[in-house]
Amino acid sequence: MQRRLNTGREKAPTVLSNPKPHPRGELAKDILRAIAEGEVIPATLLMPILPKALKPLVRIFSKRHGAKRDQNFLKSLSYLKRNRLVSISEKDGQEVLTLTEDGSKRILGFNLSQMTIQRPKRWDGCWRIVIFDIPERRKQGREALRSKLKQLGFYQLQKSCFIHPFDCKSEIAFISELFEVSPFVNLLVAKEIEGAAKLQKIFGLP
């Protein structure tokens, strides 16, 4: 019987790597999103001294969320609780972590940072005009709204008047509610406007 010679060139077995760890700060964000989406995380994981019996459970959650170490996962939970982004509530006879009002707002903020206005394959020929008259007592919300409209690609016609060619009804409703200025914001849809040729050029429309 012939033996196969080991030439040293044989391919090493493939080793599956762990999920890519989250950058610093992203782990807490990932956990907060998971809770918002219904993941059940027992409140007992916030105990100062964790019983050994719970360590396998911590390992499961750590791997699920891409934590480099179990301790990183536990520190992120403590951060969320310390900053009042989560609280302890009872669900089905078990104490679990749930979002606070501040936690819910933080989730909205995450969604806000990812918001874009989709460009359709074919423009419907309508213009969306956002007009607002926000009182001085809501100055912070007013400036946040103005800044976000610019970020979303709106063209500023006047100080409190912005225009965009594509459907943005849900986006405007969302950011107006988030910045607590919705009673002062109006969205108009117009088929014809003055200076349309210039605007079509700005937005790259035919």
N, C-alpha and C. Protein backbone atom coordinates (compact mmCIF):
# COMPACT_ATOMS: atom_id res chain seq x y z
N MET A 1 0.86 -1.19 0.00
CA MET A 1 0.00 0.00 0.00
C MET A 1 0.89 1.24 0.00
N GLN A 2 0.62 2.12 -0.92
CA GLN A 2 1.40 3.34 -1.01
C GLN A 2 0.88 4.38 -0.03
N ARG A 3 1.80 5.10 0.56
CA ARG A 3 1.43 6.18 1.45
C ARG A 3 1.55 7.51 0.73
N ARG A 4 0.59 8.38 0.96
CA ARG A 4 0.64 9.70 0.34
C ARG A 4 1.63 10.56 1.11
N LEU A 5 2.56 11.14 0.39
CA LEU A 5 3.58 11.96 1.03
C LEU A 5 3.01 13.31 1.44
N ASN A 6 3.41 13.77 2.60
CA ASN A 6 3.01 15.10 3.07
C ASN A 6 4.04 16.10 2.57
N THR A 7 3.68 16.88 1.58
CA THR A 7 4.62 17.83 0.97
C THR A 7 4.67 19.15 1.72
N GLY A 8 3.76 19.31 2.69
CA GLY A 8 3.72 20.59 3.41
C GLY A 8 2.91 21.64 2.69
N ARG A 9 2.33 21.25 1.54
CA ARG A 9 1.56 22.21 0.74
C ARG A 9 0.05 21.99 0.88
N GLU A 10 -0.32 21.06 1.74
CA GLU A 10 -1.75 20.78 1.90
C GLU A 10 -2.45 21.98 2.52
N LYS A 11 -3.63 22.24 2.02
CA LYS A 11 -4.40 23.39 2.48
C LYS A 11 -4.91 23.16 3.89
N ALA A 12 -4.69 24.12 4.74
CA ALA A 12 -5.15 24.02 6.13
C ALA A 12 -6.66 24.08 6.18
N PRO A 13 -7.27 23.39 7.14
CA PRO A 13 -8.74 23.42 7.26
C PRO A 13 -9.23 24.83 7.53
N THR A 14 -10.39 25.16 6.96
CA THR A 14 -10.97 26.48 7.14
C THR A 14 -11.51 26.64 8.55
N VAL A 15 -11.17 27.73 9.18
CA VAL A 15 -11.65 28.02 10.52
C VAL A 15 -12.66 29.15 10.43
N LEU A 16 -13.87 28.91 10.87
CA LEU A 16 -14.90 29.93 10.83
C LEU A 16 -14.62 30.99 11.89
N SER A 17 -14.63 32.23 11.48
CA SER A 17 -14.36 33.31 12.41
C SER A 17 -15.64 33.74 13.11
N ASN A 18 -15.48 34.41 14.24
CA ASN A 18 -16.63 34.93 14.97
C ASN A 18 -17.18 36.14 14.23
N PRO A 19 -18.44 36.53 14.51
CA PRO A 19 -18.98 37.73 13.89
C PRO A 19 -18.09 38.93 14.18
N LYS A 20 -18.03 39.85 13.23
CA LYS A 20 -17.18 41.03 13.39
C LYS A 20 -17.61 41.83 14.61
N PRO A 21 -16.66 42.12 15.52
CA PRO A 21 -17.03 42.86 16.74
C PRO A 21 -17.52 44.27 16.41
N HIS A 22 -18.41 44.77 17.25
CA HIS A 22 -18.90 46.13 17.07
C HIS A 22 -17.84 47.13 17.50
N PRO A 23 -17.72 48.26 16.79
CA PRO A 23 -16.85 49.34 17.25
C PRO A 23 -17.37 49.88 18.58
N ARG A 24 -16.51 50.60 19.29
CA ARG A 24 -16.91 51.17 20.57
C ARG A 24 -18.13 52.07 20.40
N GLY A 25 -19.11 51.92 21.24
CA GLY A 25 -20.32 52.74 21.17
C GLY A 25 -21.42 52.12 20.34
N GLU A 26 -21.04 51.26 19.39
CA GLU A 26 -22.04 50.64 18.54
C GLU A 26 -22.74 49.47 19.23
N LEU A 27 -22.08 48.87 20.20
CA LEU A 27 -22.66 47.72 20.89
C LEU A 27 -23.92 48.12 21.65
N ALA A 28 -23.85 49.22 22.39
CA ALA A 28 -25.02 49.69 23.14
C ALA A 28 -26.16 50.03 22.18
N LYS A 29 -25.81 50.62 21.04
CA LYS A 29 -26.82 50.97 20.04
C LYS A 29 -27.49 49.71 19.50
N ASP A 30 -26.70 48.68 19.25
CA ASP A 30 -27.24 47.41 18.73
C ASP A 30 -28.18 46.76 19.74
N ILE A 31 -27.79 46.79 21.01
CA ILE A 31 -28.64 46.21 22.07
C ILE A 31 -29.95 46.97 22.18
N LEU A 32 -29.86 48.30 22.12
CA LEU A 32 -31.06 49.13 22.23
C LEU A 32 -32.02 48.84 21.08
N ARG A 33 -31.49 48.70 19.88
CA ARG A 33 -32.32 48.37 18.72
C ARG A 33 -32.99 47.01 18.91
N ALA A 34 -32.22 46.04 19.43
CA ALA A 34 -32.75 44.69 19.62
C ALA A 34 -33.91 44.69 20.61
N ILE A 35 -33.78 45.46 21.69
CA ILE A 35 -34.86 45.55 22.67
C ILE A 35 -36.09 46.18 22.03
N ALA A 36 -35.87 47.21 21.20
CA ALA A 36 -36.98 47.87 20.51
C ALA A 36 -37.70 46.91 19.58
N GLU A 37 -36.96 45.95 19.02
CA GLU A 37 -37.54 45.00 18.09
C GLU A 37 -38.12 43.77 18.78
N GLY A 38 -38.06 43.76 20.13
CA GLY A 38 -38.73 42.69 20.87
C GLY A 38 -37.83 41.66 21.52
N GLU A 39 -36.51 41.84 21.44
CA GLU A 39 -35.63 40.87 22.10
C GLU A 39 -35.81 40.96 23.62
N VAL A 40 -35.90 39.81 24.26
CA VAL A 40 -36.10 39.76 25.71
C VAL A 40 -34.75 39.57 26.39
N ILE A 41 -34.33 40.57 27.15
CA ILE A 41 -33.08 40.50 27.91
C ILE A 41 -33.43 40.56 29.39
N PRO A 42 -33.14 39.51 30.14
CA PRO A 42 -33.50 39.47 31.57
C PRO A 42 -32.82 40.59 32.35
N ALA A 43 -33.56 41.20 33.26
CA ALA A 43 -33.02 42.28 34.08
C ALA A 43 -31.97 41.77 35.06
N THR A 44 -31.96 40.46 35.31
CA THR A 44 -30.97 39.89 36.24
C THR A 44 -29.54 40.07 35.74
N LEU A 45 -29.38 40.32 34.44
CA LEU A 45 -28.03 40.52 33.90
C LEU A 45 -27.42 41.84 34.36
N LEU A 46 -28.22 42.68 35.02
CA LEU A 46 -27.72 43.94 35.55
C LEU A 46 -27.23 43.81 36.99
N MET A 47 -27.30 42.62 37.55
CA MET A 47 -26.87 42.42 38.94
C MET A 47 -25.38 42.76 39.08
N PRO A 48 -25.01 43.47 40.16
CA PRO A 48 -23.60 43.84 40.37
C PRO A 48 -22.66 42.64 40.37
N ILE A 49 -23.09 41.57 41.04
CA ILE A 49 -22.30 40.33 41.06
C ILE A 49 -23.15 39.25 40.38
N LEU A 50 -22.72 38.85 39.20
CA LEU A 50 -23.52 37.92 38.40
C LEU A 50 -23.30 36.48 38.86
N PRO A 51 -24.36 35.75 39.16
CA PRO A 51 -24.22 34.34 39.53
C PRO A 51 -23.61 33.53 38.39
N LYS A 52 -22.84 32.52 38.74
CA LYS A 52 -22.19 31.68 37.72
C LYS A 52 -23.20 31.03 36.79
N ALA A 53 -24.38 30.75 37.32
CA ALA A 53 -25.41 30.08 36.53
C ALA A 53 -25.86 30.92 35.34
N LEU A 54 -25.67 32.25 35.43
CA LEU A 54 -26.12 33.14 34.36
C LEU A 54 -25.03 33.41 33.31
N LYS A 55 -23.81 33.00 33.59
CA LYS A 55 -22.72 33.30 32.67
C LYS A 55 -22.89 32.68 31.28
N PRO A 56 -23.42 31.44 31.17
CA PRO A 56 -23.67 30.91 29.82
C PRO A 56 -24.68 31.76 29.03
N LEU A 57 -25.66 32.32 29.75
CA LEU A 57 -26.65 33.17 29.10
C LEU A 57 -26.00 34.47 28.59
N VAL A 58 -25.10 35.01 29.40
CA VAL A 58 -24.38 36.22 29.00
C VAL A 58 -23.56 35.94 27.74
N ARG A 59 -22.94 34.76 27.70
CA ARG A 59 -22.12 34.37 26.54
C ARG A 59 -22.97 34.33 25.27
N ILE A 60 -24.19 33.81 25.40
CA ILE A 60 -25.10 33.73 24.25
C ILE A 60 -25.43 35.12 23.73
N PHE A 61 -25.80 36.03 24.64
CA PHE A 61 -26.13 37.40 24.24
C PHE A 61 -24.91 38.13 23.67
N SER A 62 -23.75 37.89 24.26
CA SER A 62 -22.53 38.55 23.80
C SER A 62 -22.22 38.17 22.36
N LYS A 63 -22.31 36.88 22.06
CA LYS A 63 -22.04 36.41 20.70
C LYS A 63 -23.08 36.95 19.73
N ARG A 64 -24.33 36.96 20.17
CA ARG A 64 -25.42 37.42 19.31
C ARG A 64 -25.22 38.88 18.89
N HIS A 65 -24.65 39.68 19.80
CA HIS A 65 -24.49 41.11 19.52
C HIS A 65 -23.06 41.48 19.12
N GLY A 66 -22.22 40.48 18.90
CA GLY A 66 -20.87 40.76 18.41
C GLY A 66 -19.97 41.43 19.42
N ALA A 67 -20.19 41.18 20.71
CA ALA A 67 -19.33 41.78 21.74
C ALA A 67 -17.99 41.06 21.77
N LYS A 68 -16.90 41.81 21.90
CA LYS A 68 -15.57 41.20 21.96
C LYS A 68 -15.43 40.33 23.20
N ARG A 69 -15.99 40.82 24.31
CA ARG A 69 -15.94 40.07 25.57
C ARG A 69 -17.29 40.15 26.25
N ASP A 70 -17.57 39.17 27.10
CA ASP A 70 -18.83 39.18 27.84
C ASP A 70 -18.95 40.45 28.68
N GLN A 71 -17.82 40.90 29.22
CA GLN A 71 -17.82 42.08 30.07
C GLN A 71 -18.25 43.32 29.30
N ASN A 72 -17.91 43.37 28.02
CA ASN A 72 -18.32 44.52 27.18
C ASN A 72 -19.83 44.57 27.04
N PHE A 73 -20.44 43.39 26.90
CA PHE A 73 -21.89 43.33 26.79
C PHE A 73 -22.54 43.82 28.08
N LEU A 74 -22.03 43.36 29.22
CA LEU A 74 -22.60 43.76 30.51
C LEU A 74 -22.41 45.25 30.77
N LYS A 75 -21.27 45.80 30.36
CA LYS A 75 -21.02 47.23 30.53
C LYS A 75 -21.99 48.05 29.68
N SER A 76 -22.30 47.54 28.50
CA SER A 76 -23.25 48.24 27.63
C SER A 76 -24.65 48.26 28.24
N LEU A 77 -25.04 47.14 28.86
CA LEU A 77 -26.33 47.10 29.55
C LEU A 77 -26.37 48.13 30.68
N SER A 78 -25.28 48.19 31.45
CA SER A 78 -25.20 49.15 32.56
C SER A 78 -25.27 50.58 32.05
N TYR A 79 -24.61 50.82 30.92
CA TYR A 79 -24.63 52.16 30.32
C TYR A 79 -26.06 52.56 29.95
N LEU A 80 -26.79 51.64 29.33
CA LEU A 80 -28.16 51.94 28.92
C LEU A 80 -29.06 52.22 30.13
N LYS A 81 -28.86 51.44 31.20
CA LYS A 81 -29.67 51.64 32.41
C LYS A 81 -29.27 52.93 33.11
N ARG A 82 -27.98 53.20 33.20
CA ARG A 82 -27.48 54.40 33.89
C ARG A 82 -27.94 55.67 33.20
N ASN A 83 -28.05 55.62 31.87
CA ASN A 83 -28.47 56.79 31.10
C ASN A 83 -29.98 56.81 30.85
N ARG A 84 -30.70 55.95 31.57
CA ARG A 84 -32.16 55.92 31.54
C ARG A 84 -32.72 55.69 30.14
N LEU A 85 -32.02 54.87 29.38
CA LEU A 85 -32.52 54.50 28.05
C LEU A 85 -33.32 53.20 28.12
N VAL A 86 -33.08 52.42 29.18
CA VAL A 86 -33.88 51.23 29.43
C VAL A 86 -34.31 51.22 30.90
N SER A 87 -35.39 50.52 31.16
CA SER A 87 -35.85 50.36 32.53
C SER A 87 -36.25 48.90 32.72
N ILE A 88 -36.60 48.55 33.94
CA ILE A 88 -36.98 47.17 34.25
C ILE A 88 -38.50 47.08 34.35
N SER A 89 -39.07 46.16 33.59
CA SER A 89 -40.51 45.94 33.60
C SER A 89 -40.79 44.45 33.72
N GLU A 90 -41.99 44.12 34.13
CA GLU A 90 -42.36 42.71 34.25
C GLU A 90 -43.11 42.27 33.01
N LYS A 91 -42.70 41.14 32.46
CA LYS A 91 -43.35 40.59 31.27
C LYS A 91 -43.44 39.08 31.41
N ASP A 92 -44.67 38.57 31.40
CA ASP A 92 -44.91 37.13 31.55
C ASP A 92 -44.25 36.58 32.81
N GLY A 93 -44.33 37.35 33.90
CA GLY A 93 -43.80 36.89 35.17
C GLY A 93 -42.30 37.01 35.31
N GLN A 94 -41.64 37.67 34.35
CA GLN A 94 -40.18 37.82 34.39
C GLN A 94 -39.81 39.29 34.26
N GLU A 95 -38.82 39.72 35.03
CA GLU A 95 -38.35 41.09 34.93
C GLU A 95 -37.38 41.20 33.75
N VAL A 96 -37.71 42.10 32.82
CA VAL A 96 -36.91 42.25 31.61
C VAL A 96 -36.61 43.72 31.36
N LEU A 97 -35.69 43.98 30.43
CA LEU A 97 -35.34 45.35 30.08
C LEU A 97 -36.27 45.86 28.98
N THR A 98 -36.80 47.05 29.16
CA THR A 98 -37.66 47.67 28.15
C THR A 98 -37.18 49.10 27.91
N LEU A 99 -37.58 49.66 26.78
CA LEU A 99 -37.18 51.02 26.44
C LEU A 99 -37.92 52.04 27.29
N THR A 100 -37.22 53.07 27.71
CA THR A 100 -37.86 54.21 28.34
C THR A 100 -38.27 55.18 27.23
N GLU A 101 -38.89 56.28 27.60
CA GLU A 101 -39.26 57.30 26.61
C GLU A 101 -38.00 57.85 25.94
N ASP A 102 -36.95 58.07 26.74
CA ASP A 102 -35.69 58.56 26.17
C ASP A 102 -35.07 57.52 25.24
N GLY A 103 -35.22 56.24 25.61
CA GLY A 103 -34.70 55.18 24.76
C GLY A 103 -35.41 55.13 23.43
N SER A 104 -36.72 55.33 23.46
CA SER A 104 -37.51 55.34 22.22
C SER A 104 -37.09 56.51 21.33
N LYS A 105 -36.83 57.65 21.94
CA LYS A 105 -36.39 58.82 21.17
C LYS A 105 -35.02 58.57 20.56
N ARG A 106 -34.17 57.86 21.30
CA ARG A 106 -32.84 57.55 20.78
C ARG A 106 -32.94 56.64 19.55
N ILE A 107 -33.88 55.70 19.59
CA ILE A 107 -34.10 54.82 18.45
C ILE A 107 -34.55 55.64 17.24
N LEU A 108 -35.44 56.59 17.47
CA LEU A 108 -35.88 57.46 16.38
C LEU A 108 -34.70 58.23 15.80
N GLY A 109 -33.79 58.62 16.69
CA GLY A 109 -32.59 59.32 16.22
C GLY A 109 -31.73 58.44 15.33
N PHE A 110 -31.63 57.14 15.67
CA PHE A 110 -30.87 56.21 14.83
C PHE A 110 -31.51 56.13 13.45
N ASN A 111 -32.85 56.03 13.43
CA ASN A 111 -33.57 55.95 12.16
C ASN A 111 -33.38 57.23 11.36
N LEU A 112 -33.33 58.35 12.07
CA LEU A 112 -33.16 59.65 11.42
C LEU A 112 -31.84 59.72 10.67
N SER A 113 -30.78 59.20 11.29
CA SER A 113 -29.46 59.29 10.67
C SER A 113 -29.37 58.47 9.39
N GLN A 114 -30.25 57.49 9.23
CA GLN A 114 -30.23 56.63 8.04
C GLN A 114 -31.27 57.04 7.00
N MET A 115 -32.02 58.08 7.28
CA MET A 115 -33.12 58.47 6.40
C MET A 115 -32.63 59.06 5.08
N THR A 116 -33.27 58.65 4.01
CA THR A 116 -33.04 59.23 2.68
C THR A 116 -34.38 59.33 1.97
N ILE A 117 -34.43 60.17 0.95
CA ILE A 117 -35.63 60.26 0.12
C ILE A 117 -35.35 59.50 -1.17
N GLN A 118 -36.16 58.49 -1.42
CA GLN A 118 -35.93 57.62 -2.56
C GLN A 118 -36.25 58.33 -3.88
N ARG A 119 -35.38 58.15 -4.85
CA ARG A 119 -35.60 58.70 -6.18
C ARG A 119 -36.34 57.65 -7.03
N PRO A 120 -37.53 57.95 -7.50
CA PRO A 120 -38.28 56.98 -8.30
C PRO A 120 -37.68 56.83 -9.70
N LYS A 121 -38.05 55.75 -10.36
CA LYS A 121 -37.56 55.55 -11.73
C LYS A 121 -38.07 56.64 -12.66
N ARG A 122 -39.29 57.09 -12.36
CA ARG A 122 -39.89 58.13 -13.20
C ARG A 122 -40.52 59.20 -12.31
N TRP A 123 -40.15 60.44 -12.55
CA TRP A 123 -40.69 61.56 -11.77
C TRP A 123 -42.14 61.83 -12.16
N ASP A 124 -42.99 62.07 -11.17
CA ASP A 124 -44.41 62.30 -11.43
C ASP A 124 -44.73 63.74 -11.82
N GLY A 125 -43.71 64.60 -11.88
CA GLY A 125 -43.92 65.98 -12.30
C GLY A 125 -44.41 66.91 -11.21
N CYS A 126 -44.54 66.42 -9.99
CA CYS A 126 -45.03 67.25 -8.88
C CYS A 126 -43.88 67.72 -7.99
N TRP A 127 -44.11 68.88 -7.38
CA TRP A 127 -43.12 69.45 -6.45
C TRP A 127 -43.67 69.39 -5.03
N ARG A 128 -42.82 69.01 -4.10
CA ARG A 128 -43.20 68.96 -2.68
C ARG A 128 -42.58 70.17 -1.98
N ILE A 129 -43.43 71.00 -1.41
CA ILE A 129 -42.97 72.24 -0.78
C ILE A 129 -43.25 72.18 0.72
N VAL A 130 -42.20 72.32 1.51
CA VAL A 130 -42.33 72.32 2.97
C VAL A 130 -42.26 73.77 3.45
N ILE A 131 -43.33 74.19 4.13
CA ILE A 131 -43.41 75.55 4.67
C ILE A 131 -43.62 75.45 6.18
N PHE A 132 -42.89 76.24 6.94
CA PHE A 132 -43.08 76.20 8.39
C PHE A 132 -42.94 77.59 9.01
N ASP A 133 -43.70 77.78 10.06
CA ASP A 133 -43.66 79.02 10.84
C ASP A 133 -43.61 78.59 12.31
N ILE A 134 -42.40 78.33 12.77
CA ILE A 134 -42.19 77.75 14.09
C ILE A 134 -41.81 78.85 15.08
N PRO A 135 -42.53 78.96 16.20
CA PRO A 135 -42.26 80.04 17.17
C PRO A 135 -40.87 79.95 17.79
N GLU A 136 -40.44 81.06 18.33
CA GLU A 136 -39.09 81.16 18.90
C GLU A 136 -38.87 80.19 20.05
N ARG A 137 -39.94 79.87 20.78
CA ARG A 137 -39.79 78.94 21.91
C ARG A 137 -39.43 77.52 21.43
N ARG A 138 -39.62 77.26 20.15
CA ARG A 138 -39.24 75.97 19.56
C ARG A 138 -38.05 76.13 18.62
N LYS A 139 -37.19 77.07 18.96
CA LYS A 139 -36.06 77.40 18.08
C LYS A 139 -35.18 76.18 17.80
N GLN A 140 -34.91 75.39 18.83
CA GLN A 140 -34.04 74.23 18.66
C GLN A 140 -34.63 73.24 17.64
N GLY A 141 -35.93 72.99 17.76
CA GLY A 141 -36.59 72.10 16.81
C GLY A 141 -36.62 72.68 15.41
N ARG A 142 -36.80 73.99 15.33
CA ARG A 142 -36.84 74.68 14.03
C ARG A 142 -35.50 74.55 13.30
N GLU A 143 -34.41 74.78 14.04
CA GLU A 143 -33.09 74.69 13.43
C GLU A 143 -32.74 73.25 13.05
N ALA A 144 -33.20 72.30 13.89
CA ALA A 144 -32.96 70.88 13.58
C ALA A 144 -33.70 70.47 12.31
N LEU A 145 -34.93 70.96 12.17
CA LEU A 145 -35.72 70.67 10.98
C LEU A 145 -35.06 71.26 9.74
N ARG A 146 -34.66 72.50 9.83
CA ARG A 146 -34.03 73.17 8.69
C ARG A 146 -32.75 72.43 8.27
N SER A 147 -31.96 72.04 9.25
CA SER A 147 -30.71 71.33 8.97
C SER A 147 -30.98 69.97 8.31
N LYS A 148 -32.01 69.27 8.80
CA LYS A 148 -32.31 67.94 8.25
C LYS A 148 -32.85 68.04 6.83
N LEU A 149 -33.65 69.06 6.55
CA LEU A 149 -34.17 69.24 5.20
C LEU A 149 -33.02 69.44 4.20
N LYS A 150 -32.04 70.22 4.60
CA LYS A 150 -30.87 70.43 3.73
C LYS A 150 -30.12 69.12 3.53
N GLN A 151 -29.99 68.36 4.62
CA GLN A 151 -29.28 67.08 4.55
C GLN A 151 -30.00 66.10 3.63
N LEU A 152 -31.32 66.16 3.60
CA LEU A 152 -32.12 65.27 2.76
C LEU A 152 -32.14 65.69 1.30
N GLY A 153 -31.52 66.83 1.00
CA GLY A 153 -31.43 67.26 -0.39
C GLY A 153 -32.47 68.27 -0.83
N PHE A 154 -33.21 68.85 0.11
CA PHE A 154 -34.19 69.88 -0.24
C PHE A 154 -33.46 71.15 -0.69
N TYR A 155 -34.10 71.87 -1.58
CA TYR A 155 -33.56 73.16 -2.02
C TYR A 155 -34.31 74.26 -1.27
N GLN A 156 -33.56 75.19 -0.70
CA GLN A 156 -34.16 76.25 0.11
C GLN A 156 -34.60 77.41 -0.78
N LEU A 157 -35.92 77.61 -0.85
CA LEU A 157 -36.48 78.72 -1.62
C LEU A 157 -36.45 80.01 -0.81
N GLN A 158 -36.83 79.89 0.46
CA GLN A 158 -36.79 81.00 1.41
C GLN A 158 -36.33 80.44 2.75
N LYS A 159 -36.21 81.29 3.75
CA LYS A 159 -35.68 80.84 5.03
C LYS A 159 -36.50 79.70 5.63
N SER A 160 -37.81 79.75 5.45
CA SER A 160 -38.68 78.71 6.02
C SER A 160 -39.51 78.03 4.94
N CYS A 161 -38.90 77.87 3.77
CA CYS A 161 -39.59 77.24 2.65
C CYS A 161 -38.59 76.41 1.84
N PHE A 162 -38.84 75.10 1.77
CA PHE A 162 -37.94 74.18 1.08
C PHE A 162 -38.73 73.38 0.04
N ILE A 163 -38.03 72.92 -0.99
CA ILE A 163 -38.71 72.19 -2.06
C ILE A 163 -37.94 70.95 -2.47
N HIS A 164 -38.69 69.92 -2.88
CA HIS A 164 -38.09 68.66 -3.34
C HIS A 164 -39.04 68.04 -4.37
N PRO A 165 -38.51 67.36 -5.38
CA PRO A 165 -39.39 66.82 -6.42
C PRO A 165 -40.01 65.46 -6.12
N PHE A 166 -39.50 64.76 -5.12
CA PHE A 166 -39.96 63.38 -4.90
C PHE A 166 -40.81 63.24 -3.64
N ASP A 167 -41.61 62.19 -3.62
CA ASP A 167 -42.52 61.95 -2.50
C ASP A 167 -41.75 61.89 -1.17
N CYS A 168 -42.21 62.65 -0.20
CA CYS A 168 -41.50 62.71 1.09
C CYS A 168 -42.49 62.91 2.24
N LYS A 169 -43.74 62.55 2.01
CA LYS A 169 -44.78 62.78 3.02
C LYS A 169 -44.46 62.11 4.34
N SER A 170 -44.08 60.83 4.30
CA SER A 170 -43.81 60.10 5.54
C SER A 170 -42.55 60.62 6.22
N GLU A 171 -41.54 61.01 5.43
CA GLU A 171 -40.31 61.53 6.01
C GLU A 171 -40.54 62.86 6.73
N ILE A 172 -41.33 63.74 6.11
CA ILE A 172 -41.62 65.04 6.73
C ILE A 172 -42.45 64.85 8.00
N ALA A 173 -43.40 63.94 7.96
CA ALA A 173 -44.22 63.67 9.15
C ALA A 173 -43.33 63.13 10.28
N PHE A 174 -42.39 62.27 9.93
CA PHE A 174 -41.50 61.66 10.92
C PHE A 174 -40.61 62.70 11.60
N ILE A 175 -39.91 63.51 10.80
CA ILE A 175 -38.97 64.46 11.40
C ILE A 175 -39.70 65.60 12.12
N SER A 176 -40.87 65.97 11.63
CA SER A 176 -41.65 67.02 12.30
C SER A 176 -42.09 66.55 13.68
N GLU A 177 -42.48 65.29 13.76
CA GLU A 177 -42.89 64.71 15.04
C GLU A 177 -41.69 64.56 15.97
N LEU A 178 -40.58 64.10 15.41
CA LEU A 178 -39.37 63.89 16.21
C LEU A 178 -38.87 65.19 16.82
N PHE A 179 -38.89 66.27 16.04
CA PHE A 179 -38.40 67.56 16.52
C PHE A 179 -39.48 68.36 17.24
N GLU A 180 -40.67 67.74 17.40
CA GLU A 180 -41.78 68.33 18.15
C GLU A 180 -42.21 69.68 17.58
N VAL A 181 -42.32 69.73 16.24
CA VAL A 181 -42.76 70.96 15.57
C VAL A 181 -43.88 70.68 14.57
N SER A 182 -44.46 69.49 14.61
CA SER A 182 -45.45 69.10 13.60
C SER A 182 -46.64 70.06 13.45
N PRO A 183 -47.13 70.71 14.53
CA PRO A 183 -48.27 71.62 14.34
C PRO A 183 -47.93 72.85 13.48
N PHE A 184 -46.64 73.10 13.30
CA PHE A 184 -46.21 74.32 12.62
C PHE A 184 -45.65 74.06 11.22
N VAL A 185 -45.75 72.81 10.76
CA VAL A 185 -45.16 72.43 9.47
C VAL A 185 -46.25 72.01 8.50
N ASN A 186 -46.17 72.52 7.27
CA ASN A 186 -47.12 72.15 6.22
C ASN A 186 -46.38 71.64 5.00
N LEU A 187 -46.95 70.61 4.38
CA LEU A 187 -46.39 70.05 3.15
C LEU A 187 -47.39 70.25 2.02
N LEU A 188 -46.98 70.97 1.00
CA LEU A 188 -47.83 71.24 -0.16
C LEU A 188 -47.30 70.48 -1.37
N VAL A 189 -48.21 70.10 -2.25
CA VAL A 189 -47.83 69.44 -3.50
C VAL A 189 -48.34 70.30 -4.65
N ALA A 190 -47.41 70.70 -5.53
CA ALA A 190 -47.77 71.59 -6.64
C ALA A 190 -47.33 70.99 -7.97
N LYS A 191 -48.18 71.16 -8.97
CA LYS A 191 -47.86 70.65 -10.30
C LYS A 191 -47.01 71.64 -11.08
N GLU A 192 -47.31 72.91 -10.88
CA GLU A 192 -46.56 73.96 -11.59
C GLU A 192 -46.07 75.00 -10.59
N ILE A 193 -44.82 75.42 -10.76
CA ILE A 193 -44.26 76.47 -9.91
C ILE A 193 -43.38 77.38 -10.76
N GLU A 194 -43.19 78.57 -10.28
CA GLU A 194 -42.32 79.52 -10.98
C GLU A 194 -40.86 79.09 -10.82
N GLY A 195 -40.11 79.19 -11.91
CA GLY A 195 -38.69 78.81 -11.86
C GLY A 195 -38.47 77.32 -11.93
N ALA A 196 -39.43 76.59 -12.50
CA ALA A 196 -39.34 75.12 -12.56
C ALA A 196 -38.12 74.64 -13.35
N ALA A 197 -37.80 75.35 -14.43
CA ALA A 197 -36.67 74.93 -15.27
C ALA A 197 -35.36 74.92 -14.48
N LYS A 198 -35.18 75.96 -13.66
CA LYS A 198 -33.97 76.06 -12.84
C LYS A 198 -33.93 74.92 -11.82
N LEU A 199 -35.08 74.64 -11.20
CA LEU A 199 -35.14 73.58 -10.19
C LEU A 199 -34.91 72.20 -10.81
N GLN A 200 -35.46 71.99 -12.00
CA GLN A 200 -35.26 70.71 -12.67
C GLN A 200 -33.77 70.48 -12.95
N LYS A 201 -33.07 71.55 -13.28
CA LYS A 201 -31.64 71.45 -13.52
C LYS A 201 -30.90 71.13 -12.23
N ILE A 202 -31.31 71.77 -11.13
CA ILE A 202 -30.68 71.54 -9.83
C ILE A 202 -30.82 70.08 -9.39
N PHE A 203 -32.01 69.52 -9.62
CA PHE A 203 -32.28 68.15 -9.19
C PHE A 203 -31.97 67.10 -10.27
N GLY A 204 -31.45 67.55 -11.40
CA GLY A 204 -31.08 66.62 -12.46
C GLY A 204 -32.28 65.93 -13.09
N LEU A 205 -33.35 66.70 -13.29
CA LEU A 205 -34.59 66.15 -13.85
C LEU A 205 -34.69 66.50 -15.34
N PRO A 206 -35.37 65.66 -16.11
CA PRO A 206 -35.53 65.93 -17.55
C PRO A 206 -36.47 67.10 -17.81
